[in-house]
Amino acid sequence: MVASRLRDPDRPCVLPGDSSWLQEVRYLEEGVLRVVARAAAVATDRFDGDRVVLSVGVLEGAACVIGRLADEMEEPADGEGQGEGEGIRVLFLPGWELDYLWQVLAAFRRAQAGEPEAADLRELLEDLGYGLDRTVEQITEDLQRVAAMLMLDIPAVRMLTAAALHPLGLPPGHTGPPPDADAVREAYEQVRAGWAAAGVR
């Protein structure tokens, strides 16, 4: 297991060491979120900021989450694949960044559902999806996959986080010996089940 070098951690995220799943949704940053952010900026300049439902800051924040995640996952992982939790990365992301992602997902779901207030957003996503060979439903599903992976919040995540950080110094609020191998193995299987539920195997 490899711990992220990100500073000022807020929320632990346990992800597969193999980043191939992320490549399938990498397009969301530049191909969707930043384009919608530019559209939101234009709408704001025309005093029509509600047109795409979301603010520029929220959209740019969500795009940055995926970009930072991709950069972090591309870094070589010294010692990866050693012992229990093979192929796992433990990253820490600020909770407010994850909230941006959640807000965008909620808006995309509204557009997917055909809500009148999100009609312009749906039209924009349809236009983008045409060039990306993705439907609005597929774009929303891909964003949901990212959110589900980052926001998986079960005791097994905390167990693997503690196991990963113990050699580096105990995480805040944790005392005592490191989790035993059987507990780590069981936590790993539970997290893998969470990944599978998100469509990542």
N, C-alpha and C. Protein backbone atom coordinates (compact mmCIF):
# COMPACT_ATOMS: atom_id res chain seq x y z
N MET A 1 0.84 -1.19 0.00
CA MET A 1 0.00 0.00 0.00
C MET A 1 0.88 1.24 0.00
N VAL A 2 0.43 2.26 -0.71
CA VAL A 2 1.21 3.48 -0.83
C VAL A 2 0.35 4.66 -0.41
N ALA A 3 0.87 5.51 0.46
CA ALA A 3 0.13 6.68 0.93
C ALA A 3 0.46 7.88 0.04
N SER A 4 -0.54 8.70 -0.19
CA SER A 4 -0.38 9.89 -1.00
C SER A 4 0.57 10.88 -0.35
N ARG A 5 1.18 11.71 -1.19
CA ARG A 5 2.02 12.79 -0.67
C ARG A 5 1.24 14.09 -0.50
N LEU A 6 -0.05 14.07 -0.81
CA LEU A 6 -0.85 15.28 -0.69
C LEU A 6 -0.84 15.78 0.75
N ARG A 7 -0.75 17.10 0.92
CA ARG A 7 -0.69 17.69 2.25
C ARG A 7 -2.09 18.09 2.73
N ASP A 8 -2.18 18.39 4.01
CA ASP A 8 -3.43 18.81 4.63
C ASP A 8 -4.58 17.87 4.31
N PRO A 9 -4.45 16.59 4.65
CA PRO A 9 -5.49 15.63 4.31
C PRO A 9 -6.77 15.90 5.07
N ASP A 10 -7.87 15.55 4.46
CA ASP A 10 -9.16 15.69 5.10
C ASP A 10 -9.88 14.35 5.09
N ARG A 11 -9.95 13.71 3.94
CA ARG A 11 -10.69 12.47 3.83
C ARG A 11 -9.86 11.41 3.11
N PRO A 12 -9.70 10.23 3.71
CA PRO A 12 -8.93 9.17 3.05
C PRO A 12 -9.74 8.52 1.94
N CYS A 13 -9.07 8.22 0.84
CA CYS A 13 -9.68 7.52 -0.29
C CYS A 13 -8.78 6.34 -0.63
N VAL A 14 -9.34 5.15 -0.62
CA VAL A 14 -8.59 3.96 -0.96
C VAL A 14 -8.93 3.58 -2.39
N LEU A 15 -7.91 3.53 -3.25
CA LEU A 15 -8.11 3.30 -4.68
C LEU A 15 -7.20 2.19 -5.17
N PRO A 16 -7.56 1.56 -6.30
CA PRO A 16 -6.68 0.53 -6.85
C PRO A 16 -5.35 1.14 -7.28
N GLY A 17 -4.27 0.40 -7.10
CA GLY A 17 -2.98 0.86 -7.57
C GLY A 17 -2.94 0.94 -9.08
N ASP A 18 -3.70 0.07 -9.75
CA ASP A 18 -3.82 0.10 -11.20
C ASP A 18 -4.78 1.22 -11.58
N SER A 19 -4.28 2.21 -12.29
CA SER A 19 -5.09 3.39 -12.60
C SER A 19 -5.86 3.27 -13.91
N SER A 20 -5.93 2.07 -14.48
CA SER A 20 -6.60 1.92 -15.78
C SER A 20 -8.06 2.36 -15.72
N TRP A 21 -8.71 2.14 -14.58
CA TRP A 21 -10.10 2.57 -14.45
C TRP A 21 -10.25 4.08 -14.61
N LEU A 22 -9.23 4.81 -14.15
CA LEU A 22 -9.28 6.26 -14.22
C LEU A 22 -9.14 6.76 -15.65
N GLN A 23 -8.37 6.03 -16.47
CA GLN A 23 -8.20 6.46 -17.85
C GLN A 23 -9.52 6.49 -18.60
N GLU A 24 -10.44 5.63 -18.21
CA GLU A 24 -11.74 5.56 -18.89
C GLU A 24 -12.60 6.79 -18.61
N VAL A 25 -12.32 7.49 -17.53
CA VAL A 25 -13.13 8.66 -17.16
C VAL A 25 -12.30 9.94 -17.15
N ARG A 26 -11.06 9.86 -17.59
CA ARG A 26 -10.15 11.01 -17.58
C ARG A 26 -10.68 12.15 -18.44
N TYR A 27 -11.43 11.80 -19.49
CA TYR A 27 -11.97 12.80 -20.41
C TYR A 27 -12.88 13.81 -19.72
N LEU A 28 -13.43 13.43 -18.56
CA LEU A 28 -14.37 14.31 -17.87
C LEU A 28 -13.76 15.66 -17.51
N GLU A 29 -12.47 15.68 -17.20
CA GLU A 29 -11.85 16.93 -16.78
C GLU A 29 -11.88 17.97 -17.89
N GLU A 30 -11.17 17.68 -19.00
CA GLU A 30 -11.06 18.66 -20.07
C GLU A 30 -12.24 18.59 -21.04
N GLY A 31 -12.77 17.40 -21.26
CA GLY A 31 -13.80 17.23 -22.28
C GLY A 31 -15.20 17.60 -21.85
N VAL A 32 -15.43 17.66 -20.52
CA VAL A 32 -16.78 17.97 -20.04
C VAL A 32 -16.75 19.11 -19.02
N LEU A 33 -16.11 18.89 -17.88
CA LEU A 33 -16.22 19.83 -16.77
C LEU A 33 -15.67 21.21 -17.10
N ARG A 34 -14.50 21.27 -17.72
CA ARG A 34 -13.94 22.59 -18.02
C ARG A 34 -14.70 23.28 -19.15
N VAL A 35 -15.27 22.50 -20.06
CA VAL A 35 -16.08 23.10 -21.13
C VAL A 35 -17.37 23.69 -20.55
N VAL A 36 -18.02 22.93 -19.67
CA VAL A 36 -19.23 23.43 -19.03
C VAL A 36 -18.89 24.64 -18.16
N ALA A 37 -17.72 24.64 -17.53
CA ALA A 37 -17.29 25.79 -16.73
C ALA A 37 -17.16 27.04 -17.60
N ARG A 38 -16.60 26.88 -18.80
CA ARG A 38 -16.48 28.02 -19.71
C ARG A 38 -17.86 28.53 -20.13
N ALA A 39 -18.78 27.59 -20.36
CA ALA A 39 -20.14 28.00 -20.70
C ALA A 39 -20.79 28.74 -19.54
N ALA A 40 -20.53 28.28 -18.33
CA ALA A 40 -21.07 28.96 -17.15
C ALA A 40 -20.49 30.36 -17.00
N ALA A 41 -19.20 30.51 -17.34
CA ALA A 41 -18.56 31.82 -17.26
C ALA A 41 -19.18 32.79 -18.26
N VAL A 42 -19.44 32.32 -19.48
CA VAL A 42 -20.07 33.15 -20.49
C VAL A 42 -21.47 33.55 -20.05
N ALA A 43 -22.22 32.59 -19.50
CA ALA A 43 -23.58 32.86 -19.04
C ALA A 43 -23.56 33.90 -17.92
N THR A 44 -22.57 33.79 -17.04
CA THR A 44 -22.46 34.75 -15.93
C THR A 44 -22.17 36.14 -16.46
N ASP A 45 -21.29 36.23 -17.45
CA ASP A 45 -20.98 37.53 -18.05
C ASP A 45 -22.21 38.16 -18.68
N ARG A 46 -23.15 37.33 -19.09
CA ARG A 46 -24.39 37.83 -19.71
C ARG A 46 -25.53 37.93 -18.71
N PHE A 47 -25.16 37.88 -17.43
CA PHE A 47 -26.14 37.98 -16.34
C PHE A 47 -27.19 36.87 -16.42
N ASP A 48 -26.74 35.70 -16.84
CA ASP A 48 -27.62 34.54 -16.95
C ASP A 48 -26.92 33.34 -16.31
N GLY A 49 -26.38 33.56 -15.10
CA GLY A 49 -25.52 32.57 -14.46
C GLY A 49 -26.20 31.27 -14.11
N ASP A 50 -27.53 31.27 -14.01
CA ASP A 50 -28.25 30.05 -13.65
C ASP A 50 -28.49 29.12 -14.83
N ARG A 51 -28.07 29.54 -15.98
CA ARG A 51 -28.41 28.78 -17.19
C ARG A 51 -27.89 27.34 -17.16
N VAL A 52 -26.68 27.14 -16.66
CA VAL A 52 -26.13 25.78 -16.62
C VAL A 52 -26.16 25.21 -15.21
N VAL A 53 -26.96 25.83 -14.32
CA VAL A 53 -27.24 25.34 -12.98
C VAL A 53 -26.07 25.55 -12.02
N LEU A 54 -24.86 25.25 -12.48
CA LEU A 54 -23.68 25.24 -11.61
C LEU A 54 -22.83 26.48 -11.78
N SER A 55 -22.12 26.85 -10.72
CA SER A 55 -21.20 27.99 -10.80
C SER A 55 -19.87 27.57 -11.41
N VAL A 56 -19.15 28.56 -11.90
CA VAL A 56 -17.83 28.29 -12.49
C VAL A 56 -16.91 27.65 -11.46
N GLY A 57 -16.93 28.17 -10.24
CA GLY A 57 -16.04 27.66 -9.20
C GLY A 57 -16.27 26.20 -8.88
N VAL A 58 -17.53 25.80 -8.80
CA VAL A 58 -17.84 24.41 -8.51
C VAL A 58 -17.38 23.51 -9.65
N LEU A 59 -17.63 23.91 -10.87
CA LEU A 59 -17.23 23.11 -12.03
C LEU A 59 -15.71 23.00 -12.14
N GLU A 60 -15.01 24.12 -11.95
CA GLU A 60 -13.56 24.08 -12.00
C GLU A 60 -13.00 23.25 -10.85
N GLY A 61 -13.64 23.36 -9.68
CA GLY A 61 -13.20 22.56 -8.54
C GLY A 61 -13.33 21.07 -8.80
N ALA A 62 -14.45 20.67 -9.39
CA ALA A 62 -14.64 19.25 -9.71
C ALA A 62 -13.64 18.78 -10.76
N ALA A 63 -13.35 19.64 -11.73
CA ALA A 63 -12.36 19.28 -12.76
C ALA A 63 -10.99 19.09 -12.12
N CYS A 64 -10.65 19.96 -11.17
CA CYS A 64 -9.35 19.86 -10.50
C CYS A 64 -9.22 18.57 -9.72
N VAL A 65 -10.33 18.08 -9.14
CA VAL A 65 -10.28 16.82 -8.41
C VAL A 65 -9.80 15.71 -9.32
N ILE A 66 -10.40 15.62 -10.51
CA ILE A 66 -10.03 14.54 -11.44
C ILE A 66 -8.61 14.74 -11.94
N GLY A 67 -8.24 15.99 -12.23
CA GLY A 67 -6.88 16.25 -12.70
C GLY A 67 -5.84 15.91 -11.66
N ARG A 68 -6.07 16.32 -10.41
CA ARG A 68 -5.11 16.01 -9.34
C ARG A 68 -5.06 14.52 -9.08
N LEU A 69 -6.21 13.87 -9.16
CA LEU A 69 -6.25 12.43 -8.95
C LEU A 69 -5.43 11.72 -10.01
N ALA A 70 -5.60 12.14 -11.26
CA ALA A 70 -4.84 11.51 -12.35
C ALA A 70 -3.34 11.73 -12.17
N ASP A 71 -2.96 12.94 -11.80
CA ASP A 71 -1.53 13.23 -11.59
C ASP A 71 -0.96 12.37 -10.47
N GLU A 72 -1.72 12.25 -9.39
CA GLU A 72 -1.26 11.47 -8.24
C GLU A 72 -1.13 9.99 -8.60
N MET A 73 -2.10 9.48 -9.35
CA MET A 73 -2.09 8.06 -9.69
C MET A 73 -1.00 7.72 -10.69
N GLU A 74 -0.53 8.72 -11.44
CA GLU A 74 0.52 8.47 -12.42
C GLU A 74 1.90 8.43 -11.80
N GLU A 75 2.04 8.93 -10.56
CA GLU A 75 3.35 8.92 -9.91
C GLU A 75 3.77 7.50 -9.59
N PRO A 76 5.06 7.18 -9.77
CA PRO A 76 5.53 5.85 -9.40
C PRO A 76 5.31 5.58 -7.93
N ALA A 77 4.88 4.36 -7.63
CA ALA A 77 4.58 4.00 -6.24
C ALA A 77 5.67 3.08 -5.71
N ASP A 78 6.62 3.67 -4.98
CA ASP A 78 7.71 2.87 -4.41
C ASP A 78 7.16 1.83 -3.46
N GLY A 79 7.55 0.59 -3.71
CA GLY A 79 7.15 -0.48 -2.81
C GLY A 79 5.74 -0.98 -3.06
N GLU A 80 5.08 -0.49 -4.10
CA GLU A 80 3.72 -0.92 -4.35
C GLU A 80 3.69 -2.41 -4.64
N GLY A 81 2.65 -3.06 -4.14
CA GLY A 81 2.51 -4.48 -4.41
C GLY A 81 3.21 -5.35 -3.40
N GLN A 82 3.62 -4.77 -2.28
CA GLN A 82 4.30 -5.55 -1.26
C GLN A 82 3.33 -5.90 -0.14
N GLY A 83 3.15 -7.16 0.14
CA GLY A 83 2.36 -7.58 1.30
C GLY A 83 0.88 -7.41 1.09
N GLU A 84 0.15 -7.33 2.23
CA GLU A 84 -1.30 -7.22 2.18
C GLU A 84 -1.69 -5.89 1.55
N GLY A 85 -2.87 -5.87 0.93
CA GLY A 85 -3.33 -4.66 0.29
C GLY A 85 -2.58 -4.38 -0.99
N GLU A 86 -2.10 -5.43 -1.64
CA GLU A 86 -1.31 -5.27 -2.85
C GLU A 86 -2.06 -4.43 -3.87
N GLY A 87 -1.35 -3.46 -4.46
CA GLY A 87 -1.94 -2.67 -5.52
C GLY A 87 -2.93 -1.63 -5.04
N ILE A 88 -2.81 -1.17 -3.80
CA ILE A 88 -3.73 -0.18 -3.26
C ILE A 88 -2.99 1.14 -3.05
N ARG A 89 -3.69 2.23 -3.35
CA ARG A 89 -3.18 3.55 -3.02
C ARG A 89 -4.14 4.19 -2.03
N VAL A 90 -3.58 4.82 -1.02
CA VAL A 90 -4.38 5.58 -0.06
C VAL A 90 -4.08 7.05 -0.30
N LEU A 91 -5.08 7.77 -0.79
CA LEU A 91 -4.94 9.19 -1.07
C LEU A 91 -5.78 9.99 -0.08
N PHE A 92 -5.41 11.25 0.10
CA PHE A 92 -6.18 12.13 0.97
C PHE A 92 -6.61 13.35 0.16
N LEU A 93 -7.90 13.61 0.16
CA LEU A 93 -8.43 14.76 -0.56
C LEU A 93 -9.26 15.63 0.39
N PRO A 94 -9.18 16.94 0.24
CA PRO A 94 -9.99 17.83 1.09
C PRO A 94 -11.48 17.56 0.87
N GLY A 95 -12.24 17.57 1.94
CA GLY A 95 -13.66 17.31 1.84
C GLY A 95 -14.40 18.29 0.95
N TRP A 96 -13.95 19.55 0.93
CA TRP A 96 -14.64 20.54 0.11
C TRP A 96 -14.47 20.26 -1.38
N GLU A 97 -13.35 19.64 -1.77
CA GLU A 97 -13.17 19.27 -3.18
C GLU A 97 -14.14 18.16 -3.55
N LEU A 98 -14.31 17.20 -2.66
CA LEU A 98 -15.25 16.12 -2.92
C LEU A 98 -16.67 16.65 -2.98
N ASP A 99 -16.96 17.70 -2.21
CA ASP A 99 -18.29 18.31 -2.25
C ASP A 99 -18.55 18.93 -3.61
N TYR A 100 -17.54 19.53 -4.23
CA TYR A 100 -17.70 20.06 -5.58
C TYR A 100 -18.12 18.95 -6.54
N LEU A 101 -17.44 17.83 -6.44
CA LEU A 101 -17.75 16.69 -7.31
C LEU A 101 -19.18 16.23 -7.10
N TRP A 102 -19.61 16.19 -5.85
CA TRP A 102 -20.96 15.76 -5.53
C TRP A 102 -22.00 16.73 -6.09
N GLN A 103 -21.74 18.03 -5.99
CA GLN A 103 -22.67 19.03 -6.52
C GLN A 103 -22.83 18.89 -8.03
N VAL A 104 -21.72 18.66 -8.72
CA VAL A 104 -21.79 18.50 -10.18
C VAL A 104 -22.56 17.23 -10.54
N LEU A 105 -22.30 16.16 -9.82
CA LEU A 105 -23.02 14.91 -10.08
C LEU A 105 -24.52 15.11 -9.89
N ALA A 106 -24.91 15.82 -8.84
CA ALA A 106 -26.33 16.07 -8.59
C ALA A 106 -26.95 16.86 -9.74
N ALA A 107 -26.23 17.84 -10.26
CA ALA A 107 -26.75 18.64 -11.37
C ALA A 107 -26.85 17.81 -12.65
N PHE A 108 -25.85 16.97 -12.90
CA PHE A 108 -25.89 16.11 -14.09
C PHE A 108 -27.05 15.13 -14.00
N ARG A 109 -27.33 14.65 -12.81
CA ARG A 109 -28.48 13.76 -12.64
C ARG A 109 -29.79 14.48 -12.95
N ARG A 110 -29.87 15.75 -12.55
CA ARG A 110 -31.06 16.54 -12.86
C ARG A 110 -31.21 16.70 -14.36
N ALA A 111 -30.09 16.96 -15.04
CA ALA A 111 -30.13 17.08 -16.50
C ALA A 111 -30.54 15.77 -17.14
N GLN A 112 -29.98 14.68 -16.64
CA GLN A 112 -30.33 13.36 -17.17
C GLN A 112 -31.81 13.06 -16.99
N ALA A 113 -32.36 13.49 -15.87
CA ALA A 113 -33.78 13.23 -15.57
C ALA A 113 -34.72 14.12 -16.37
N GLY A 114 -34.16 15.11 -17.06
CA GLY A 114 -35.00 15.98 -17.88
C GLY A 114 -35.69 17.08 -17.12
N GLU A 115 -35.15 17.49 -15.96
CA GLU A 115 -35.78 18.58 -15.21
C GLU A 115 -35.70 19.87 -16.02
N PRO A 116 -36.79 20.63 -16.08
CA PRO A 116 -36.82 21.86 -16.89
C PRO A 116 -35.70 22.84 -16.54
N GLU A 117 -35.39 22.98 -15.24
CA GLU A 117 -34.36 23.92 -14.82
C GLU A 117 -32.97 23.52 -15.32
N ALA A 118 -32.80 22.26 -15.68
CA ALA A 118 -31.50 21.77 -16.16
C ALA A 118 -31.51 21.47 -17.66
N ALA A 119 -32.49 22.04 -18.37
CA ALA A 119 -32.63 21.75 -19.80
C ALA A 119 -31.41 22.24 -20.59
N ASP A 120 -30.93 23.45 -20.27
CA ASP A 120 -29.77 23.98 -20.99
C ASP A 120 -28.52 23.14 -20.71
N LEU A 121 -28.38 22.70 -19.47
CA LEU A 121 -27.24 21.84 -19.13
C LEU A 121 -27.33 20.53 -19.88
N ARG A 122 -28.51 19.95 -19.98
CA ARG A 122 -28.66 18.70 -20.73
C ARG A 122 -28.30 18.89 -22.20
N GLU A 123 -28.76 19.99 -22.77
CA GLU A 123 -28.45 20.27 -24.18
C GLU A 123 -26.95 20.37 -24.40
N LEU A 124 -26.27 21.06 -23.47
CA LEU A 124 -24.82 21.20 -23.57
C LEU A 124 -24.14 19.84 -23.43
N LEU A 125 -24.60 19.03 -22.49
CA LEU A 125 -24.01 17.70 -22.33
C LEU A 125 -24.26 16.82 -23.54
N GLU A 126 -25.42 16.96 -24.15
CA GLU A 126 -25.71 16.20 -25.37
C GLU A 126 -24.76 16.59 -26.49
N ASP A 127 -24.51 17.90 -26.64
CA ASP A 127 -23.58 18.37 -27.67
C ASP A 127 -22.17 17.86 -27.41
N LEU A 128 -21.73 17.93 -26.16
CA LEU A 128 -20.40 17.43 -25.82
C LEU A 128 -20.33 15.92 -26.02
N GLY A 129 -21.37 15.24 -25.61
CA GLY A 129 -21.39 13.78 -25.73
C GLY A 129 -21.32 13.32 -27.17
N TYR A 130 -21.89 14.08 -28.06
CA TYR A 130 -21.85 13.71 -29.48
C TYR A 130 -20.41 13.62 -29.97
N GLY A 131 -19.60 14.59 -29.58
CA GLY A 131 -18.20 14.58 -29.99
C GLY A 131 -17.37 13.55 -29.25
N LEU A 132 -17.82 13.15 -28.07
CA LEU A 132 -17.09 12.18 -27.25
C LEU A 132 -17.60 10.76 -27.43
N ASP A 133 -18.65 10.62 -28.25
CA ASP A 133 -19.32 9.32 -28.42
C ASP A 133 -19.85 8.80 -27.09
N ARG A 134 -20.43 9.73 -26.31
CA ARG A 134 -21.02 9.38 -25.03
C ARG A 134 -22.39 10.03 -24.93
N THR A 135 -23.34 9.35 -24.34
CA THR A 135 -24.64 9.94 -24.08
C THR A 135 -24.59 10.70 -22.75
N VAL A 136 -25.63 11.49 -22.49
CA VAL A 136 -25.72 12.18 -21.21
C VAL A 136 -25.72 11.17 -20.07
N GLU A 137 -26.42 10.07 -20.29
CA GLU A 137 -26.49 9.01 -19.28
C GLU A 137 -25.11 8.42 -19.02
N GLN A 138 -24.33 8.21 -20.07
CA GLN A 138 -22.99 7.63 -19.90
C GLN A 138 -22.04 8.61 -19.22
N ILE A 139 -22.14 9.88 -19.59
CA ILE A 139 -21.30 10.90 -18.94
C ILE A 139 -21.61 10.95 -17.44
N THR A 140 -22.91 10.95 -17.12
CA THR A 140 -23.31 10.98 -15.71
C THR A 140 -22.84 9.73 -14.98
N GLU A 141 -22.94 8.59 -15.64
CA GLU A 141 -22.50 7.33 -15.02
C GLU A 141 -21.00 7.34 -14.77
N ASP A 142 -20.23 7.90 -15.71
CA ASP A 142 -18.78 7.97 -15.53
C ASP A 142 -18.42 8.87 -14.36
N LEU A 143 -19.11 10.01 -14.25
CA LEU A 143 -18.86 10.91 -13.13
C LEU A 143 -19.25 10.25 -11.81
N GLN A 144 -20.33 9.51 -11.85
CA GLN A 144 -20.78 8.79 -10.65
C GLN A 144 -19.75 7.75 -10.23
N ARG A 145 -19.10 7.12 -11.20
CA ARG A 145 -18.07 6.12 -10.88
C ARG A 145 -16.92 6.78 -10.12
N VAL A 146 -16.48 7.95 -10.58
CA VAL A 146 -15.40 8.66 -9.89
C VAL A 146 -15.83 9.00 -8.46
N ALA A 147 -17.05 9.55 -8.34
CA ALA A 147 -17.54 9.94 -7.02
C ALA A 147 -17.64 8.74 -6.10
N ALA A 148 -18.14 7.62 -6.61
CA ALA A 148 -18.30 6.43 -5.79
C ALA A 148 -16.95 5.90 -5.31
N MET A 149 -15.94 5.98 -6.16
CA MET A 149 -14.62 5.50 -5.77
C MET A 149 -14.02 6.39 -4.69
N LEU A 150 -14.17 7.70 -4.84
CA LEU A 150 -13.55 8.63 -3.90
C LEU A 150 -14.32 8.73 -2.60
N MET A 151 -15.62 8.49 -2.65
CA MET A 151 -16.45 8.71 -1.46
C MET A 151 -16.85 7.41 -0.77
N LEU A 152 -16.22 6.32 -1.14
CA LEU A 152 -16.48 5.07 -0.45
C LEU A 152 -16.13 5.24 1.03
N ASP A 153 -17.12 5.13 1.89
CA ASP A 153 -16.93 5.43 3.30
C ASP A 153 -17.44 4.27 4.15
N ILE A 154 -16.60 3.29 4.31
CA ILE A 154 -16.93 2.11 5.11
C ILE A 154 -15.76 1.87 6.07
N PRO A 155 -15.99 1.13 7.16
CA PRO A 155 -14.89 0.89 8.11
C PRO A 155 -13.64 0.30 7.47
N ALA A 156 -13.81 -0.49 6.40
CA ALA A 156 -12.65 -1.11 5.74
C ALA A 156 -11.70 -0.06 5.18
N VAL A 157 -12.24 1.07 4.73
CA VAL A 157 -11.39 2.15 4.22
C VAL A 157 -10.48 2.67 5.33
N ARG A 158 -11.06 2.87 6.50
CA ARG A 158 -10.27 3.37 7.63
C ARG A 158 -9.25 2.33 8.09
N MET A 159 -9.62 1.05 8.00
CA MET A 159 -8.68 -0.02 8.36
C MET A 159 -7.47 -0.01 7.44
N LEU A 160 -7.70 0.07 6.14
CA LEU A 160 -6.59 0.07 5.19
C LEU A 160 -5.77 1.34 5.29
N THR A 161 -6.43 2.44 5.60
CA THR A 161 -5.70 3.69 5.79
C THR A 161 -4.75 3.57 6.98
N ALA A 162 -5.25 3.02 8.08
CA ALA A 162 -4.41 2.85 9.26
C ALA A 162 -3.23 1.92 8.96
N ALA A 163 -3.49 0.85 8.21
CA ALA A 163 -2.42 -0.10 7.88
C ALA A 163 -1.37 0.56 7.00
N ALA A 164 -1.81 1.43 6.08
CA ALA A 164 -0.87 2.09 5.18
C ALA A 164 -0.03 3.14 5.89
N LEU A 165 -0.64 3.85 6.84
CA LEU A 165 0.05 4.95 7.50
C LEU A 165 0.87 4.53 8.71
N HIS A 166 0.61 3.35 9.25
CA HIS A 166 1.29 2.94 10.47
C HIS A 166 2.81 2.97 10.32
N PRO A 167 3.39 2.46 9.20
CA PRO A 167 4.85 2.51 9.08
C PRO A 167 5.39 3.94 8.97
N LEU A 168 4.50 4.90 8.61
CA LEU A 168 4.94 6.28 8.43
C LEU A 168 4.70 7.12 9.68
N GLY A 169 4.11 6.51 10.70
CA GLY A 169 3.70 7.25 11.89
C GLY A 169 2.20 7.13 12.02
N LEU A 170 1.73 6.92 13.21
CA LEU A 170 0.30 6.66 13.41
C LEU A 170 -0.55 7.83 12.93
N PRO A 171 -1.65 7.54 12.25
CA PRO A 171 -2.56 8.61 11.84
C PRO A 171 -3.21 9.26 13.04
N PRO A 172 -3.68 10.50 12.90
CA PRO A 172 -4.29 11.20 14.04
C PRO A 172 -5.43 10.38 14.65
N GLY A 173 -5.45 10.35 15.96
CA GLY A 173 -6.54 9.66 16.65
C GLY A 173 -6.39 8.16 16.73
N HIS A 174 -5.30 7.61 16.20
CA HIS A 174 -5.13 6.16 16.22
C HIS A 174 -3.99 5.81 17.15
N THR A 175 -4.23 4.87 18.03
CA THR A 175 -3.18 4.40 18.91
C THR A 175 -3.18 2.89 18.90
N GLY A 176 -2.09 2.31 19.36
CA GLY A 176 -2.02 0.87 19.44
C GLY A 176 -1.28 0.26 18.27
N PRO A 177 -1.25 -1.07 18.23
CA PRO A 177 -0.51 -1.78 17.19
C PRO A 177 -1.20 -1.66 15.83
N PRO A 178 -0.49 -1.96 14.76
CA PRO A 178 -1.11 -1.92 13.43
C PRO A 178 -2.15 -3.03 13.30
N PRO A 179 -3.11 -2.88 12.38
CA PRO A 179 -4.10 -3.94 12.17
C PRO A 179 -3.39 -5.24 11.79
N ASP A 180 -3.94 -6.37 12.26
CA ASP A 180 -3.31 -7.64 11.92
C ASP A 180 -3.60 -8.01 10.47
N ALA A 181 -2.83 -8.96 9.95
CA ALA A 181 -2.90 -9.31 8.53
C ALA A 181 -4.28 -9.80 8.12
N ASP A 182 -4.92 -10.59 8.97
CA ASP A 182 -6.25 -11.11 8.62
C ASP A 182 -7.27 -9.98 8.50
N ALA A 183 -7.18 -9.00 9.41
CA ALA A 183 -8.11 -7.87 9.37
C ALA A 183 -7.89 -7.03 8.12
N VAL A 184 -6.63 -6.85 7.76
CA VAL A 184 -6.31 -6.08 6.56
C VAL A 184 -6.82 -6.80 5.32
N ARG A 185 -6.62 -8.12 5.29
CA ARG A 185 -7.08 -8.91 4.14
C ARG A 185 -8.59 -8.81 3.99
N GLU A 186 -9.30 -8.92 5.09
CA GLU A 186 -10.76 -8.83 5.04
C GLU A 186 -11.20 -7.43 4.60
N ALA A 187 -10.52 -6.40 5.11
CA ALA A 187 -10.86 -5.03 4.71
C ALA A 187 -10.62 -4.83 3.22
N TYR A 188 -9.54 -5.41 2.72
CA TYR A 188 -9.23 -5.30 1.29
C TYR A 188 -10.34 -5.91 0.45
N GLU A 189 -10.85 -7.06 0.85
CA GLU A 189 -11.93 -7.70 0.10
C GLU A 189 -13.20 -6.87 0.16
N GLN A 190 -13.47 -6.25 1.28
CA GLN A 190 -14.66 -5.40 1.40
C GLN A 190 -14.54 -4.17 0.50
N VAL A 191 -13.35 -3.59 0.44
CA VAL A 191 -13.14 -2.44 -0.42
C VAL A 191 -13.25 -2.85 -1.89
N ARG A 192 -12.70 -4.00 -2.22
CA ARG A 192 -12.82 -4.48 -3.61
C ARG A 192 -14.27 -4.67 -3.99
N ALA A 193 -15.09 -5.13 -3.06
CA ALA A 193 -16.52 -5.27 -3.33
C ALA A 193 -17.15 -3.90 -3.59
N GLY A 194 -16.68 -2.88 -2.87
CA GLY A 194 -17.17 -1.52 -3.10
C GLY A 194 -16.77 -1.02 -4.46
N TRP A 195 -15.54 -1.33 -4.88
CA TRP A 195 -15.10 -0.94 -6.22
C TRP A 195 -15.96 -1.62 -7.29
N ALA A 196 -16.22 -2.90 -7.09
CA ALA A 196 -17.01 -3.65 -8.06
C ALA A 196 -18.41 -3.05 -8.19
N ALA A 197 -18.97 -2.62 -7.07
CA ALA A 197 -20.31 -2.01 -7.09
C ALA A 197 -20.27 -0.70 -7.89
N ALA A 198 -19.13 -0.04 -7.92
CA ALA A 198 -18.98 1.20 -8.69
C ALA A 198 -18.64 0.92 -10.15
N GLY A 199 -18.46 -0.35 -10.49
CA GLY A 199 -18.15 -0.72 -11.87
C GLY A 199 -16.68 -0.81 -12.16
N VAL A 200 -15.84 -0.89 -11.12
CA VAL A 200 -14.39 -0.99 -11.28
C VAL A 200 -13.93 -2.32 -10.71
N ARG A 201 -13.24 -3.10 -11.52
CA ARG A 201 -12.77 -4.41 -11.08
C ARG A 201 -11.26 -4.53 -11.24
